Amino acid sequence: IAPARRWPWIAGAVALLFVLGVGLRLRARRAVRVETARVTIVESHGGEPAYVPVLSGSGYVVSAERYVAIGVRVPGRIERYFVEEGDRVAKGDPLVQIDAREYQATVARVEALVAQAQATATLKAKQLVRARALARQGIISREELDVRVADVAASTAVADQARAELTQAQVALEYTVLRAPTAGVILAKLKEVGEIAVPGGFSGSGDLIRIANLTDLRGQVDITEGEIAKIRMHQRADVLPDAYPDKRYHA
């Protein structure tokens, strides 16, 4: 082909290539159609959804209030336990019996003092009635009458003090039986029968029993700082006890 005739062919080929290139670029810019599929949760053997765990860890199961340490309020020898470790108790149930003979004797002694003080107060009150009659007749002086009045007040105060001591002795006697302050499960017995129990002490040395309320249990698990983003409030968790690996508890 002559050079003068080649230029139209070359120009046409260039134009055709340009049109094809623009068409391919426009087609590439259009959205590509894709197929969508719904994801379903597969049922496990137990009939519950099989979840994929996002975080696993180990820790301890604790009660919401940890535990309650119960100690004596009066000193004495441990006579018997009413419960064993693992027993469930209700509020007010007896737990431990302290030797109560000394406290029973104290109650009996103070009861006698109350009776004596009350008898004296009654006698002084009767003497005052007679003294007032004699004072109106002028047989005794006003000063002696005042003495009778003071005797009645003093004897009444002694009787009141004796009754207060009796109440205190009865409370001490009641404290010889330790009772559960709340419902729960006995975790541990810290002393043996025959040992001397005393109130107070350092580091809970006076405690006899530990009890926990297991109606609200919580798992305490330590995680790394990098895993905090995986945790959110009200997220489902499953607890598998080491002692019972076949049991699963929802949390």
Protein backbone atom coordinates (compact mmCIF):
# COMPACT_ATOMS: atom_id res chain seq x y z
CA ILE A 1 0.00 0.00 0.00
CA ALA A 2 1.30 3.47 -0.84
CA PRO A 3 2.28 5.75 2.06
CA ALA A 4 -0.48 8.15 1.16
CA ARG A 5 -3.05 5.34 1.44
CA ARG A 6 -1.72 3.91 4.75
CA TRP A 7 -2.72 6.88 6.95
CA PRO A 8 -6.50 6.34 6.70
CA TRP A 9 -6.06 2.66 7.74
CA ILE A 10 -3.81 3.61 10.62
CA ALA A 11 -6.21 6.30 11.85
CA GLY A 12 -9.16 3.90 11.71
CA ALA A 13 -7.29 1.23 13.70
CA VAL A 14 -6.33 3.74 16.40
CA ALA A 15 -9.95 4.95 16.68
CA LEU A 16 -11.21 1.36 16.98
CA LEU A 17 -8.72 0.55 19.74
CA PHE A 18 -9.72 3.72 21.64
CA VAL A 19 -13.42 2.81 21.52
CA LEU A 20 -12.70 -0.72 22.73
CA GLY A 21 -10.58 0.62 25.63
CA VAL A 22 -13.27 3.04 26.78
CA GLY A 23 -15.87 0.29 26.68
CA LEU A 24 -13.77 -2.05 28.81
CA ARG A 25 -13.11 0.68 31.41
CA LEU A 26 -16.83 1.53 31.68
CA ARG A 27 -17.72 -2.13 32.09
CA ALA A 28 -15.10 -2.52 34.82
CA ARG A 29 -16.63 0.37 36.78
CA ARG A 30 -20.08 -1.23 36.97
CA ALA A 31 -20.98 -3.15 40.25
CA VAL A 32 -20.27 -6.84 40.11
CA ARG A 33 -23.22 -9.01 41.00
CA VAL A 34 -22.63 -11.48 43.84
CA GLU A 35 -24.67 -14.26 45.38
CA THR A 36 -25.77 -13.82 49.06
CA ALA A 37 -26.42 -16.59 51.55
CA ARG A 38 -28.06 -16.57 55.00
CA VAL A 39 -26.01 -17.87 57.91
CA THR A 40 -27.85 -20.11 60.34
CA ILE A 41 -26.80 -21.33 63.79
CA VAL A 42 -26.45 -25.07 63.91
CA GLU A 43 -28.34 -26.84 66.67
CA SER A 44 -26.21 -28.77 69.12
CA HIS A 45 -27.02 -32.21 70.48
CA GLY A 46 -28.71 -30.69 73.54
CA GLY A 47 -31.16 -28.74 71.41
CA GLU A 48 -29.45 -25.37 72.12
CA PRO A 49 -27.65 -23.19 69.59
CA ALA A 50 -23.97 -24.01 69.14
CA TYR A 51 -22.11 -20.74 69.66
CA VAL A 52 -18.55 -20.07 68.70
CA PRO A 53 -16.68 -18.81 71.80
CA VAL A 54 -14.84 -15.52 71.41
CA LEU A 55 -12.94 -15.83 74.68
CA SER A 56 -12.06 -18.64 77.05
CA GLY A 57 -10.52 -18.39 80.48
CA SER A 58 -10.29 -20.08 83.86
CA GLY A 59 -11.08 -18.69 87.28
CA TYR A 60 -13.13 -19.28 90.39
CA VAL A 61 -16.80 -19.39 91.24
CA VAL A 62 -17.55 -17.13 94.19
CA SER A 63 -20.71 -15.98 95.92
CA ALA A 64 -21.85 -12.41 95.42
CA GLU A 65 -21.11 -11.55 99.04
CA ARG A 66 -18.12 -13.91 99.23
CA TYR A 67 -18.77 -15.56 102.57
CA VAL A 68 -19.90 -14.74 106.10
CA ALA A 69 -17.58 -15.63 108.97
CA ILE A 70 -19.49 -16.45 112.16
CA GLY A 71 -17.80 -16.29 115.55
CA VAL A 72 -18.87 -16.46 119.16
CA ARG A 73 -20.02 -13.42 121.10
CA VAL A 74 -19.33 -15.00 124.49
CA PRO A 75 -16.33 -17.18 125.39
CA GLY A 76 -16.76 -20.86 126.07
CA ARG A 77 -15.92 -24.43 125.15
CA ILE A 78 -17.38 -25.76 121.90
CA GLU A 79 -19.84 -28.46 122.93
CA ARG A 80 -21.26 -29.55 119.57
CA TYR A 81 -21.90 -28.62 115.95
CA PHE A 82 -25.41 -28.85 114.57
CA VAL A 83 -24.24 -28.78 110.93
CA GLU A 84 -21.61 -30.28 108.65
CA GLU A 85 -19.72 -28.81 105.73
CA GLY A 86 -21.93 -28.65 102.66
CA ASP A 87 -25.20 -28.47 104.60
CA ARG A 88 -27.79 -25.91 103.55
CA VAL A 89 -29.20 -23.79 106.36
CA ALA A 90 -31.97 -21.25 106.68
CA LYS A 91 -31.79 -17.96 108.52
CA GLY A 92 -31.97 -18.57 112.27
CA ASP A 93 -30.98 -22.24 112.17
CA PRO A 94 -28.67 -23.32 115.06
CA LEU A 95 -25.07 -23.93 114.03
CA VAL A 96 -22.90 -24.35 117.14
CA GLN A 97 -23.57 -24.98 120.82
CA ILE A 98 -21.20 -23.45 123.39
CA ASP A 99 -21.06 -24.91 126.90
CA ALA A 100 -23.88 -23.00 128.58
CA ARG A 101 -23.68 -24.24 132.17
CA GLU A 102 -21.84 -21.18 133.48
CA TYR A 103 -24.29 -18.82 131.76
CA GLN A 104 -27.27 -20.79 133.04
CA ALA A 105 -25.89 -20.47 136.58
CA THR A 106 -25.45 -16.73 136.07
CA VAL A 107 -29.07 -16.39 134.97
CA ALA A 108 -30.27 -18.34 138.02
CA ARG A 109 -28.14 -16.20 140.37
CA VAL A 110 -29.35 -12.91 138.90
CA GLU A 111 -32.95 -14.12 138.98
CA ALA A 112 -32.51 -14.61 142.74
CA LEU A 113 -31.08 -11.09 143.04
CA VAL A 114 -34.07 -9.72 141.14
CA ALA A 115 -36.47 -11.50 143.48
CA GLN A 116 -34.61 -10.20 146.53
CA ALA A 117 -34.48 -6.63 145.21
CA GLN A 118 -38.14 -6.73 144.29
CA ALA A 119 -39.09 -8.00 147.76
CA THR A 120 -37.06 -5.22 149.38
CA ALA A 121 -38.68 -2.61 147.14
CA THR A 122 -42.14 -3.94 148.02
CA LEU A 123 -41.33 -3.80 151.76
CA LYS A 124 -40.02 -0.23 151.50
CA ALA A 125 -43.15 0.81 149.63
CA LYS A 126 -45.38 -0.59 152.41
CA GLN A 127 -43.28 1.11 155.09
CA LEU A 128 -43.68 4.40 153.26
CA VAL A 129 -47.47 4.03 153.28
CA ARG A 130 -47.46 3.50 157.05
CA ALA A 131 -44.96 6.32 157.56
CA ARG A 132 -47.20 8.78 155.75
CA ALA A 133 -50.12 7.79 157.96
CA LEU A 134 -47.98 8.29 161.06
CA ALA A 135 -46.69 11.60 159.73
CA ARG A 136 -50.24 12.90 159.29
CA GLN A 137 -50.88 11.99 162.96
CA GLY A 138 -47.65 13.74 163.98
CA ILE A 139 -46.11 10.59 165.40
CA ILE A 140 -43.01 10.75 163.16
CA SER A 141 -41.16 13.78 161.92
CA ARG A 142 -41.02 15.09 158.40
CA GLU A 143 -37.35 14.14 158.23
CA GLU A 144 -38.09 10.50 158.98
CA LEU A 145 -40.76 10.50 156.30
CA ASP A 146 -38.21 11.79 153.79
CA VAL A 147 -35.92 8.93 154.75
CA ARG A 148 -38.72 6.47 153.99
CA VAL A 149 -39.28 8.08 150.61
CA ALA A 150 -35.55 7.83 149.81
CA ASP A 151 -35.53 4.17 150.83
CA VAL A 152 -38.31 3.40 148.37
CA ALA A 153 -36.49 5.18 145.53
CA ALA A 154 -33.21 3.38 146.31
CA SER A 155 -34.83 -0.06 146.55
CA THR A 156 -36.68 0.52 143.28
CA ALA A 157 -33.41 1.48 141.57
CA VAL A 158 -31.73 -1.67 142.91
CA ALA A 159 -34.59 -3.80 141.57
CA ASP A 160 -34.36 -2.11 138.15
CA GLN A 161 -30.59 -2.71 138.07
CA ALA A 162 -31.10 -6.37 138.96
CA ARG A 163 -33.63 -6.78 136.15
CA ALA A 164 -31.20 -5.19 133.69
CA GLU A 165 -28.48 -7.61 134.81
CA LEU A 166 -30.93 -10.46 134.32
CA THR A 167 -31.62 -9.34 130.76
CA GLN A 168 -27.88 -9.17 130.09
CA ALA A 169 -27.37 -12.67 131.52
CA GLN A 170 -30.23 -14.06 129.44
CA VAL A 171 -28.74 -12.52 126.27
CA ALA A 172 -25.35 -14.06 127.07
CA LEU A 173 -27.05 -17.42 127.55
CA GLU A 174 -28.79 -17.02 124.21
CA TYR A 175 -25.44 -16.29 122.55
CA THR A 176 -24.18 -19.75 123.56
CA VAL A 177 -26.09 -21.02 120.51
CA LEU A 178 -24.70 -19.63 117.24
CA ARG A 179 -27.40 -19.21 114.61
CA ALA A 180 -27.21 -18.60 110.87
CA PRO A 181 -27.52 -14.87 110.08
CA THR A 182 -28.64 -15.70 106.55
CA ALA A 183 -29.59 -18.65 104.40
CA GLY A 184 -26.71 -20.38 102.69
CA VAL A 185 -24.33 -23.32 102.59
CA ILE A 186 -21.76 -24.24 105.23
CA LEU A 187 -18.31 -23.82 103.67
CA ALA A 188 -16.06 -24.75 106.58
CA LYS A 189 -15.91 -25.51 110.28
CA LEU A 190 -12.82 -23.75 111.62
CA LYS A 191 -12.52 -25.27 115.11
CA GLU A 192 -13.04 -28.66 116.69
CA VAL A 193 -15.40 -29.74 119.45
CA GLY A 194 -13.74 -29.22 122.83
CA GLU A 195 -11.71 -26.17 121.82
CA ILE A 196 -12.15 -22.86 123.61
CA ALA A 197 -13.77 -20.18 121.50
CA VAL A 198 -13.29 -16.52 122.31
CA PRO A 199 -14.84 -13.43 120.69
CA GLY A 200 -12.78 -11.29 118.36
CA GLY A 201 -9.14 -12.05 117.80
CA PHE A 202 -6.77 -11.17 114.97
CA SER A 203 -7.32 -12.34 111.39
CA GLY A 204 -10.58 -14.03 112.26
CA SER A 205 -9.11 -16.30 114.92
CA GLY A 206 -12.44 -16.25 116.75
CA ASP A 207 -14.44 -17.49 113.75
CA LEU A 208 -16.08 -20.89 114.03
CA ILE A 209 -18.01 -21.28 110.77
CA ARG A 210 -17.97 -19.85 107.28
CA ILE A 211 -21.23 -19.71 105.38
CA ALA A 212 -21.95 -18.52 101.83
CA ASN A 213 -25.17 -17.49 100.13
CA LEU A 214 -25.15 -19.49 96.90
CA THR A 215 -28.34 -18.07 95.42
CA ASP A 216 -26.22 -15.52 93.53
CA LEU A 217 -22.98 -17.04 92.24
CA ARG A 218 -20.43 -15.25 90.08
CA GLY A 219 -17.44 -16.43 88.10
CA GLN A 220 -14.25 -14.46 88.56
CA VAL A 221 -12.01 -14.81 85.48
CA ASP A 222 -8.83 -12.88 84.75
CA ILE A 223 -8.30 -11.75 81.17
CA THR A 224 -5.54 -9.84 79.41
CA GLU A 225 -5.86 -6.20 78.49
CA GLY A 226 -5.91 -7.07 74.80
CA GLU A 227 -9.06 -9.15 75.25
CA ILE A 228 -11.12 -6.43 76.94
CA ALA A 229 -12.55 -5.34 73.58
CA LYS A 230 -14.20 -8.77 73.23
CA ILE A 231 -16.28 -8.29 76.38
CA ARG A 232 -19.55 -6.38 76.69
CA MET A 233 -22.34 -6.16 79.24
CA HIS A 234 -25.01 -8.91 79.16
CA GLN A 235 -22.86 -11.04 76.88
CA ARG A 236 -23.62 -14.75 77.07
CA ALA A 237 -21.15 -16.92 78.95
CA ASP A 238 -21.05 -20.61 79.82
CA VAL A 239 -19.47 -21.93 82.99
CA LEU A 240 -18.04 -25.46 83.04
CA PRO A 241 -16.93 -26.60 86.52
CA ASP A 242 -13.74 -28.66 86.66
CA ALA A 243 -15.40 -31.10 89.05
CA TYR A 244 -18.37 -31.63 86.71
CA PRO A 245 -17.11 -31.15 83.11
CA ASP A 246 -20.34 -32.60 81.69
CA LYS A 247 -22.43 -29.81 83.25
CA ARG A 248 -22.82 -26.40 81.66
CA TYR A 249 -24.25 -23.37 83.45
CA HIS A 250 -25.42 -20.29 81.55
CA ALA A 251 -24.20 -16.92 82.81
